[in-house]
Amino acid sequence: MSTNRRTASVVIVLGLGLALGLGGCGTIGRARDRIVKASPRCTDQTVQIYFEPESAEVTKEGRAVLAAAAAQARPCRVTRVDVLGLSDSTGAADANLDLSKRRAQSVTAALTAAGLPAGEFMVAGAGQAGAVTTDGKAAPLRRRADVVLHLSPS
């Protein structure tokens, strides 16, 4: 077989394969349109929001985490939201308790601003309780608020 005939045969075979392959895309699209979409997963979500030292302001990263959690909860019924503010052991105990409460309140406000569906909020601050390990060292990562979204199907 000459080189030109062989090249022409390859082009025809490739063209035919491409035409058959693209022709199948229409049937895939129609089949995909018939698939029933799964209902949203409405299971409880837990997120942790971290703060700068001695701050109750939700960071940009924290707002992004809360916005994602609120978006995931939108198709669900929010039965309750637990927000627990925590602090490290640096400073006076009463100041840390106040700081942990302010952290919980700022997270609650950020969740509401992010469009979390209405639900009962349980907001508390633990202060520095548990911020020191049994050997007297500061527990790491205590500058945070723990958030639990209790969700159920709508």
N, C-alpha and C. Protein backbone atom coordinates (compact mmCIF):
# COMPACT_ATOMS: atom_id res chain seq x y z
N MET A 1 0.85 -1.16 0.00
CA MET A 1 0.00 0.00 0.00
C MET A 1 0.90 1.22 0.00
N SER A 2 0.56 2.25 -0.76
CA SER A 2 1.40 3.44 -0.82
C SER A 2 1.21 4.27 0.44
N THR A 3 2.16 5.15 0.67
CA THR A 3 2.13 6.01 1.86
C THR A 3 0.91 6.92 1.84
N ASN A 4 0.55 7.46 0.69
CA ASN A 4 -0.61 8.37 0.60
C ASN A 4 -1.91 7.62 0.91
N ARG A 5 -2.05 6.39 0.41
CA ARG A 5 -3.27 5.61 0.67
C ARG A 5 -3.35 5.24 2.14
N ARG A 6 -2.20 4.90 2.74
CA ARG A 6 -2.16 4.54 4.16
C ARG A 6 -2.55 5.75 5.00
N THR A 7 -2.03 6.92 4.69
CA THR A 7 -2.35 8.15 5.42
C THR A 7 -3.84 8.47 5.28
N ALA A 8 -4.36 8.30 4.07
CA ALA A 8 -5.78 8.57 3.84
C ALA A 8 -6.64 7.60 4.65
N SER A 9 -6.23 6.35 4.73
CA SER A 9 -6.98 5.36 5.50
C SER A 9 -6.99 5.70 6.99
N VAL A 10 -5.84 6.14 7.48
CA VAL A 10 -5.74 6.52 8.90
C VAL A 10 -6.63 7.72 9.17
N VAL A 11 -6.64 8.69 8.29
CA VAL A 11 -7.47 9.89 8.47
C VAL A 11 -8.95 9.51 8.47
N ILE A 12 -9.34 8.62 7.55
CA ILE A 12 -10.74 8.20 7.49
C ILE A 12 -11.13 7.45 8.76
N VAL A 13 -10.28 6.53 9.22
CA VAL A 13 -10.57 5.78 10.44
C VAL A 13 -10.66 6.72 11.64
N LEU A 14 -9.72 7.66 11.76
CA LEU A 14 -9.76 8.62 12.87
C LEU A 14 -11.01 9.49 12.79
N GLY A 15 -11.36 9.94 11.60
CA GLY A 15 -12.56 10.76 11.43
C GLY A 15 -13.81 10.00 11.80
N LEU A 16 -13.89 8.73 11.35
CA LEU A 16 -15.04 7.89 11.67
C LEU A 16 -15.13 7.65 13.19
N GLY A 17 -13.99 7.38 13.82
CA GLY A 17 -13.97 7.18 15.27
C GLY A 17 -14.40 8.43 16.02
N LEU A 18 -13.94 9.58 15.56
CA LEU A 18 -14.32 10.85 16.20
C LEU A 18 -15.81 11.10 16.04
N ALA A 19 -16.34 10.84 14.85
CA ALA A 19 -17.77 11.04 14.61
C ALA A 19 -18.61 10.12 15.49
N LEU A 20 -18.20 8.86 15.60
CA LEU A 20 -18.94 7.93 16.45
C LEU A 20 -18.85 8.32 17.92
N GLY A 21 -17.65 8.74 18.32
CA GLY A 21 -17.46 9.13 19.72
C GLY A 21 -18.28 10.35 20.09
N LEU A 22 -18.28 11.35 19.21
CA LEU A 22 -19.05 12.56 19.50
C LEU A 22 -20.55 12.31 19.39
N GLY A 23 -20.92 11.41 18.52
CA GLY A 23 -22.34 11.07 18.39
C GLY A 23 -22.89 10.50 19.68
N GLY A 24 -22.08 9.79 20.43
CA GLY A 24 -22.51 9.21 21.69
C GLY A 24 -22.69 10.24 22.79
N CYS A 25 -22.08 11.42 22.64
CA CYS A 25 -22.20 12.46 23.67
C CYS A 25 -23.64 12.88 23.86
N GLY A 26 -24.42 12.89 22.78
CA GLY A 26 -25.82 13.29 22.88
C GLY A 26 -26.61 12.33 23.76
N THR A 27 -26.34 11.04 23.62
CA THR A 27 -27.07 10.07 24.43
C THR A 27 -26.64 10.14 25.89
N ILE A 28 -25.36 10.44 26.12
CA ILE A 28 -24.89 10.58 27.50
C ILE A 28 -25.57 11.76 28.17
N GLY A 29 -25.67 12.87 27.44
CA GLY A 29 -26.32 14.06 27.99
C GLY A 29 -27.77 13.79 28.34
N ARG A 30 -28.48 13.09 27.44
CA ARG A 30 -29.90 12.79 27.71
C ARG A 30 -30.03 11.85 28.91
N ALA A 31 -29.14 10.88 29.02
CA ALA A 31 -29.19 9.97 30.17
C ALA A 31 -28.91 10.71 31.46
N ARG A 32 -27.94 11.64 31.41
CA ARG A 32 -27.59 12.41 32.60
C ARG A 32 -28.78 13.26 33.05
N ASP A 33 -29.57 13.77 32.11
CA ASP A 33 -30.72 14.59 32.45
C ASP A 33 -31.80 13.80 33.19
N ARG A 34 -31.81 12.46 32.99
CA ARG A 34 -32.81 11.62 33.62
C ARG A 34 -32.41 11.16 35.02
N ILE A 35 -31.17 11.37 35.39
CA ILE A 35 -30.70 10.92 36.70
C ILE A 35 -31.34 11.78 37.78
N VAL A 36 -31.83 11.14 38.79
CA VAL A 36 -32.43 11.85 39.91
C VAL A 36 -31.29 12.34 40.80
N LYS A 37 -31.34 13.62 41.13
CA LYS A 37 -30.31 14.18 42.00
C LYS A 37 -30.52 13.71 43.43
N ALA A 38 -29.42 13.39 44.07
CA ALA A 38 -29.47 12.93 45.46
C ALA A 38 -29.88 14.08 46.37
N SER A 39 -30.62 13.76 47.38
CA SER A 39 -31.01 14.78 48.34
C SER A 39 -29.78 15.21 49.14
N PRO A 40 -29.80 16.42 49.68
CA PRO A 40 -28.63 16.90 50.42
C PRO A 40 -28.38 16.07 51.67
N ARG A 41 -27.11 15.96 52.03
CA ARG A 41 -26.76 15.24 53.25
C ARG A 41 -26.96 16.17 54.43
N CYS A 42 -27.92 15.89 55.22
CA CYS A 42 -28.25 16.73 56.36
C CYS A 42 -27.81 16.05 57.64
N THR A 43 -26.51 15.93 57.79
CA THR A 43 -25.94 15.37 59.01
C THR A 43 -25.24 16.49 59.76
N ASP A 44 -25.08 16.31 61.05
CA ASP A 44 -24.45 17.34 61.86
C ASP A 44 -23.06 17.67 61.33
N GLN A 45 -22.71 18.95 61.38
CA GLN A 45 -21.39 19.42 60.94
C GLN A 45 -20.67 20.05 62.13
N THR A 46 -19.38 19.84 62.21
CA THR A 46 -18.57 20.47 63.23
C THR A 46 -17.43 21.22 62.55
N VAL A 47 -17.26 22.49 62.92
CA VAL A 47 -16.14 23.29 62.41
C VAL A 47 -15.47 24.00 63.57
N GLN A 48 -14.21 24.29 63.38
CA GLN A 48 -13.46 25.05 64.39
C GLN A 48 -12.96 26.34 63.74
N ILE A 49 -13.16 27.44 64.44
CA ILE A 49 -12.74 28.75 63.95
C ILE A 49 -11.64 29.25 64.87
N TYR A 50 -10.49 29.55 64.29
CA TYR A 50 -9.32 29.97 65.08
C TYR A 50 -9.19 31.49 65.07
N PHE A 51 -8.64 32.02 66.16
CA PHE A 51 -8.51 33.47 66.35
C PHE A 51 -7.06 33.84 66.60
N GLU A 52 -6.78 35.10 66.35
CA GLU A 52 -5.48 35.66 66.70
C GLU A 52 -5.43 35.80 68.23
N PRO A 53 -4.23 35.87 68.83
CA PRO A 53 -4.14 36.03 70.29
C PRO A 53 -4.90 37.26 70.77
N GLU A 54 -5.63 37.09 71.84
CA GLU A 54 -6.37 38.16 72.50
C GLU A 54 -7.35 38.88 71.58
N SER A 55 -7.89 38.18 70.59
CA SER A 55 -8.83 38.77 69.64
C SER A 55 -10.10 37.94 69.57
N ALA A 56 -11.21 38.64 69.38
CA ALA A 56 -12.50 37.97 69.17
C ALA A 56 -13.00 38.22 67.75
N GLU A 57 -12.18 38.80 66.90
CA GLU A 57 -12.57 39.10 65.52
C GLU A 57 -12.38 37.85 64.64
N VAL A 58 -13.44 37.49 63.92
CA VAL A 58 -13.35 36.34 63.03
C VAL A 58 -12.46 36.72 61.85
N THR A 59 -11.47 35.88 61.58
CA THR A 59 -10.53 36.16 60.49
C THR A 59 -11.18 35.92 59.13
N LYS A 60 -10.50 36.33 58.09
CA LYS A 60 -10.97 36.09 56.72
C LYS A 60 -11.14 34.59 56.48
N GLU A 61 -10.17 33.80 56.93
CA GLU A 61 -10.24 32.35 56.77
C GLU A 61 -11.42 31.77 57.56
N GLY A 62 -11.63 32.30 58.76
CA GLY A 62 -12.76 31.86 59.58
C GLY A 62 -14.09 32.16 58.92
N ARG A 63 -14.21 33.36 58.33
CA ARG A 63 -15.45 33.71 57.64
C ARG A 63 -15.70 32.77 56.45
N ALA A 64 -14.62 32.40 55.75
CA ALA A 64 -14.76 31.47 54.62
C ALA A 64 -15.25 30.10 55.08
N VAL A 65 -14.72 29.61 56.20
CA VAL A 65 -15.15 28.32 56.75
C VAL A 65 -16.62 28.39 57.16
N LEU A 66 -17.00 29.48 57.81
CA LEU A 66 -18.39 29.63 58.25
C LEU A 66 -19.34 29.78 57.06
N ALA A 67 -18.91 30.49 56.03
CA ALA A 67 -19.75 30.65 54.83
C ALA A 67 -19.96 29.30 54.15
N ALA A 68 -18.92 28.48 54.09
CA ALA A 68 -19.05 27.15 53.49
C ALA A 68 -19.99 26.27 54.31
N ALA A 69 -19.88 26.33 55.62
CA ALA A 69 -20.77 25.54 56.49
C ALA A 69 -22.22 26.00 56.34
N ALA A 70 -22.43 27.32 56.27
CA ALA A 70 -23.78 27.85 56.10
C ALA A 70 -24.36 27.43 54.75
N ALA A 71 -23.54 27.46 53.71
CA ALA A 71 -24.01 27.06 52.37
C ALA A 71 -24.40 25.59 52.35
N GLN A 72 -23.61 24.76 53.00
CA GLN A 72 -23.90 23.33 53.04
C GLN A 72 -25.16 23.04 53.86
N ALA A 73 -25.47 23.90 54.81
CA ALA A 73 -26.64 23.69 55.67
C ALA A 73 -27.93 24.25 55.07
N ARG A 74 -27.85 25.09 54.05
CA ARG A 74 -29.04 25.76 53.51
C ARG A 74 -30.17 24.82 53.10
N PRO A 75 -29.89 23.70 52.44
CA PRO A 75 -31.02 22.84 52.06
C PRO A 75 -31.59 22.02 53.23
N CYS A 76 -31.02 22.16 54.39
CA CYS A 76 -31.42 21.36 55.55
C CYS A 76 -32.20 22.22 56.55
N ARG A 77 -32.79 21.54 57.50
CA ARG A 77 -33.42 22.23 58.63
C ARG A 77 -32.38 22.29 59.74
N VAL A 78 -32.12 23.49 60.23
CA VAL A 78 -31.17 23.67 61.33
C VAL A 78 -31.95 23.54 62.63
N THR A 79 -31.68 22.49 63.38
CA THR A 79 -32.41 22.29 64.63
C THR A 79 -31.76 23.03 65.79
N ARG A 80 -30.42 23.14 65.75
CA ARG A 80 -29.71 23.85 66.82
C ARG A 80 -28.28 24.11 66.35
N VAL A 81 -27.71 25.19 66.87
CA VAL A 81 -26.30 25.50 66.61
C VAL A 81 -25.63 25.71 67.96
N ASP A 82 -24.60 24.92 68.24
CA ASP A 82 -23.82 25.07 69.47
C ASP A 82 -22.53 25.80 69.13
N VAL A 83 -22.27 26.89 69.84
CA VAL A 83 -21.03 27.64 69.64
C VAL A 83 -20.36 27.78 71.00
N LEU A 84 -19.16 27.25 71.12
CA LEU A 84 -18.40 27.31 72.37
C LEU A 84 -17.10 28.05 72.13
N GLY A 85 -16.97 29.21 72.74
CA GLY A 85 -15.73 29.99 72.63
C GLY A 85 -14.71 29.50 73.64
N LEU A 86 -13.45 29.46 73.23
CA LEU A 86 -12.36 29.01 74.09
C LEU A 86 -11.24 30.04 74.08
N SER A 87 -10.38 29.97 75.07
CA SER A 87 -9.20 30.83 75.10
C SER A 87 -8.02 30.05 75.66
N ASP A 88 -6.84 30.62 75.47
CA ASP A 88 -5.67 29.98 76.05
C ASP A 88 -5.51 30.44 77.49
N SER A 89 -4.44 30.05 78.14
CA SER A 89 -4.26 30.36 79.57
C SER A 89 -3.47 31.64 79.80
N THR A 90 -3.16 32.38 78.73
CA THR A 90 -2.41 33.62 78.88
C THR A 90 -3.35 34.70 79.42
N GLY A 91 -2.98 35.34 80.51
CA GLY A 91 -3.79 36.42 81.08
C GLY A 91 -4.64 35.94 82.23
N ALA A 92 -5.46 36.86 82.71
CA ALA A 92 -6.32 36.59 83.87
C ALA A 92 -7.50 35.72 83.47
N ALA A 93 -7.94 34.87 84.38
CA ALA A 93 -9.03 33.93 84.12
C ALA A 93 -10.32 34.65 83.74
N ASP A 94 -10.68 35.74 84.44
CA ASP A 94 -11.92 36.44 84.13
C ASP A 94 -11.85 37.12 82.76
N ALA A 95 -10.69 37.63 82.39
CA ALA A 95 -10.52 38.23 81.06
C ALA A 95 -10.63 37.16 79.97
N ASN A 96 -10.11 35.98 80.22
CA ASN A 96 -10.19 34.89 79.24
C ASN A 96 -11.62 34.37 79.09
N LEU A 97 -12.36 34.36 80.19
CA LEU A 97 -13.76 33.96 80.11
C LEU A 97 -14.54 34.96 79.24
N ASP A 98 -14.31 36.24 79.47
CA ASP A 98 -14.96 37.28 78.68
C ASP A 98 -14.55 37.15 77.20
N LEU A 99 -13.27 36.93 76.94
CA LEU A 99 -12.78 36.78 75.57
C LEU A 99 -13.44 35.57 74.89
N SER A 100 -13.55 34.47 75.58
CA SER A 100 -14.16 33.27 74.97
C SER A 100 -15.63 33.51 74.65
N LYS A 101 -16.33 34.25 75.50
CA LYS A 101 -17.74 34.58 75.23
C LYS A 101 -17.85 35.49 74.01
N ARG A 102 -16.96 36.47 73.90
CA ARG A 102 -16.97 37.37 72.74
C ARG A 102 -16.64 36.61 71.45
N ARG A 103 -15.77 35.64 71.53
CA ARG A 103 -15.45 34.80 70.36
C ARG A 103 -16.70 34.04 69.91
N ALA A 104 -17.41 33.46 70.85
CA ALA A 104 -18.62 32.71 70.51
C ALA A 104 -19.67 33.64 69.89
N GLN A 105 -19.80 34.84 70.43
CA GLN A 105 -20.77 35.79 69.89
C GLN A 105 -20.39 36.27 68.49
N SER A 106 -19.09 36.49 68.24
CA SER A 106 -18.68 36.94 66.91
C SER A 106 -18.86 35.83 65.87
N VAL A 107 -18.65 34.58 66.26
CA VAL A 107 -18.89 33.46 65.35
C VAL A 107 -20.38 33.35 65.05
N THR A 108 -21.22 33.53 66.05
CA THR A 108 -22.67 33.50 65.85
C THR A 108 -23.10 34.58 64.87
N ALA A 109 -22.58 35.79 65.04
CA ALA A 109 -22.90 36.89 64.12
C ALA A 109 -22.42 36.59 62.70
N ALA A 110 -21.24 36.00 62.58
CA ALA A 110 -20.70 35.67 61.25
C ALA A 110 -21.54 34.58 60.57
N LEU A 111 -22.02 33.60 61.33
CA LEU A 111 -22.88 32.57 60.76
C LEU A 111 -24.19 33.17 60.26
N THR A 112 -24.76 34.06 61.02
CA THR A 112 -26.00 34.72 60.61
C THR A 112 -25.76 35.55 59.36
N ALA A 113 -24.65 36.29 59.33
CA ALA A 113 -24.32 37.11 58.15
C ALA A 113 -24.07 36.24 56.92
N ALA A 114 -23.59 35.02 57.12
CA ALA A 114 -23.32 34.10 56.01
C ALA A 114 -24.59 33.43 55.49
N GLY A 115 -25.72 33.71 56.12
CA GLY A 115 -26.99 33.18 55.63
C GLY A 115 -27.37 31.82 56.17
N LEU A 116 -26.86 31.46 57.34
CA LEU A 116 -27.26 30.19 57.95
C LEU A 116 -28.76 30.22 58.20
N PRO A 117 -29.49 29.18 57.80
CA PRO A 117 -30.92 29.15 58.07
C PRO A 117 -31.19 29.26 59.58
N ALA A 118 -32.33 29.83 59.90
CA ALA A 118 -32.68 30.08 61.30
C ALA A 118 -32.66 28.80 62.11
N GLY A 119 -32.19 28.92 63.31
CA GLY A 119 -32.16 27.80 64.24
C GLY A 119 -31.87 28.34 65.63
N GLU A 120 -32.02 27.50 66.62
CA GLU A 120 -31.74 27.89 67.99
C GLU A 120 -30.23 27.87 68.22
N PHE A 121 -29.69 28.98 68.73
CA PHE A 121 -28.26 29.08 69.02
C PHE A 121 -28.03 28.86 70.51
N MET A 122 -27.09 28.00 70.83
CA MET A 122 -26.62 27.81 72.20
C MET A 122 -25.20 28.35 72.22
N VAL A 123 -25.02 29.52 72.84
CA VAL A 123 -23.72 30.20 72.81
C VAL A 123 -23.14 30.21 74.21
N ALA A 124 -21.86 29.79 74.32
CA ALA A 124 -21.21 29.75 75.63
C ALA A 124 -19.73 30.01 75.48
N GLY A 125 -19.12 30.41 76.57
CA GLY A 125 -17.68 30.57 76.62
C GLY A 125 -17.12 29.74 77.75
N ALA A 126 -16.01 29.06 77.49
CA ALA A 126 -15.40 28.21 78.50
C ALA A 126 -14.20 28.87 79.15
N GLY A 127 -13.81 30.03 78.64
CA GLY A 127 -12.64 30.69 79.20
C GLY A 127 -11.41 29.84 79.01
N GLN A 128 -10.56 29.82 80.02
CA GLN A 128 -9.32 29.05 79.91
C GLN A 128 -9.43 27.67 80.54
N ALA A 129 -10.65 27.25 80.90
CA ALA A 129 -10.84 25.92 81.47
C ALA A 129 -10.32 24.87 80.49
N GLY A 130 -9.40 24.04 80.93
CA GLY A 130 -8.82 23.02 80.08
C GLY A 130 -7.67 23.51 79.23
N ALA A 131 -7.25 24.76 79.44
CA ALA A 131 -6.18 25.34 78.61
C ALA A 131 -4.79 24.93 79.06
N VAL A 132 -4.70 24.27 80.20
CA VAL A 132 -3.40 23.83 80.70
C VAL A 132 -3.42 22.31 80.81
N THR A 133 -2.38 21.68 80.31
CA THR A 133 -2.28 20.22 80.37
C THR A 133 -1.97 19.78 81.81
N THR A 134 -2.05 18.50 82.07
CA THR A 134 -1.81 17.98 83.42
C THR A 134 -0.39 18.24 83.91
N ASP A 135 0.55 18.43 82.98
CA ASP A 135 1.92 18.73 83.40
C ASP A 135 2.21 20.24 83.44
N GLY A 136 1.13 21.07 83.38
CA GLY A 136 1.27 22.50 83.56
C GLY A 136 1.60 23.30 82.31
N LYS A 137 1.63 22.68 81.16
CA LYS A 137 1.94 23.39 79.92
C LYS A 137 0.65 23.88 79.26
N ALA A 138 0.77 24.97 78.51
CA ALA A 138 -0.39 25.51 77.80
C ALA A 138 -0.83 24.54 76.70
N ALA A 139 -2.12 24.27 76.65
CA ALA A 139 -2.67 23.40 75.61
C ALA A 139 -2.64 24.15 74.28
N PRO A 140 -2.15 23.54 73.23
CA PRO A 140 -2.08 24.22 71.94
C PRO A 140 -3.46 24.39 71.31
N LEU A 141 -3.57 25.38 70.44
CA LEU A 141 -4.77 25.61 69.63
C LEU A 141 -6.03 25.88 70.45
N ARG A 142 -5.91 26.61 71.50
CA ARG A 142 -7.08 26.93 72.33
C ARG A 142 -7.72 28.25 71.94
N ARG A 143 -7.14 29.01 71.04
CA ARG A 143 -7.73 30.29 70.64
C ARG A 143 -8.72 30.02 69.51
N ARG A 144 -9.88 29.48 69.88
CA ARG A 144 -10.84 29.08 68.85
C ARG A 144 -12.26 29.08 69.40
N ALA A 145 -13.18 28.85 68.47
CA ALA A 145 -14.56 28.58 68.82
C ALA A 145 -14.95 27.28 68.13
N ASP A 146 -15.57 26.39 68.85
CA ASP A 146 -16.06 25.13 68.30
C ASP A 146 -17.54 25.31 67.94
N VAL A 147 -17.88 24.94 66.71
CA VAL A 147 -19.25 25.13 66.22
C VAL A 147 -19.79 23.78 65.78
N VAL A 148 -20.99 23.45 66.27
CA VAL A 148 -21.67 22.23 65.83
C VAL A 148 -23.03 22.66 65.28
N LEU A 149 -23.23 22.34 63.99
CA LEU A 149 -24.52 22.59 63.34
C LEU A 149 -25.32 21.31 63.40
N HIS A 150 -26.43 21.32 64.09
CA HIS A 150 -27.30 20.16 64.19
C HIS A 150 -28.34 20.27 63.08
N LEU A 151 -28.27 19.36 62.09
CA LEU A 151 -29.09 19.46 60.89
C LEU A 151 -29.98 18.24 60.74
N SER A 152 -31.11 18.45 60.07
CA SER A 152 -31.98 17.34 59.71
C SER A 152 -32.60 17.67 58.34
N PRO A 153 -33.06 16.66 57.62
CA PRO A 153 -33.69 16.93 56.32
C PRO A 153 -34.88 17.86 56.48
N SER A 154 -35.08 18.69 55.49
CA SER A 154 -36.22 19.65 55.54
C SER A 154 -37.55 18.95 55.50
